[in-house]
Amino acid sequence: MSDKCTTLDGLSDAYDKYAVDLLKHCRFRKLSKEDAEEIVQDTFVNACNYISQGGEIESPKTFLFRIANNLIVDWARKTKNKREKECSLEAMRDNGVDFGTPFHDDVRIRRRMDATRILSVSRSLQNNDHQLLIMRYIDGLMPSDIATKTGLSANTVSVKLHRALKG
């Protein structure tokens, strides 16, 4: 076979000679087997179209590898755009997005609802009971800590908190 390729028969010879090398090249560029086979097929389709339009291929190997490289670049751009749109949860976590856990989310929601309910109940209470609710549920103090601050017993604090919430 001469180096020049001007007919489809010449392209068929070039296929026999370079298809395996093109496939290896595509696989080396980290394409899957299916993607590499598709790139090689498209390479020869493009070369066939070029010859059908009257084009001459001076160096078939160089020409085919140039087409394949251009198709690989196009494929990489297409898959990059797709990958940018499709972001996995693992990738989001790697980038610092914290989804928390369902348990923690439930606890946070319940605490927020409890705090809202406590604040609405505490507005109608005497000042001392209101302060006890704030210390327990807003400040997060335990009844023993509240008892130390107020001079009441821990049991008295617990009873007052329970009665205030029952309202």
Foldseek 3Di string as FASTA:
>chain_A
DDQKDQDVVSLVVVCVVCVVVQLVVLVVVVDDSVVSNVLSVVLSVVVNVCSVVRHMDNGSNVSSNVSSVVVSVVVVVVVVVVPVVDDDPVNVVVVPDDPDDPVVVVVVVVLVVVVVLLVVLLVPDDPVLSVLSCCCRVVPDQLCVVCVVPVHHSVVSVVSPVVSSVD
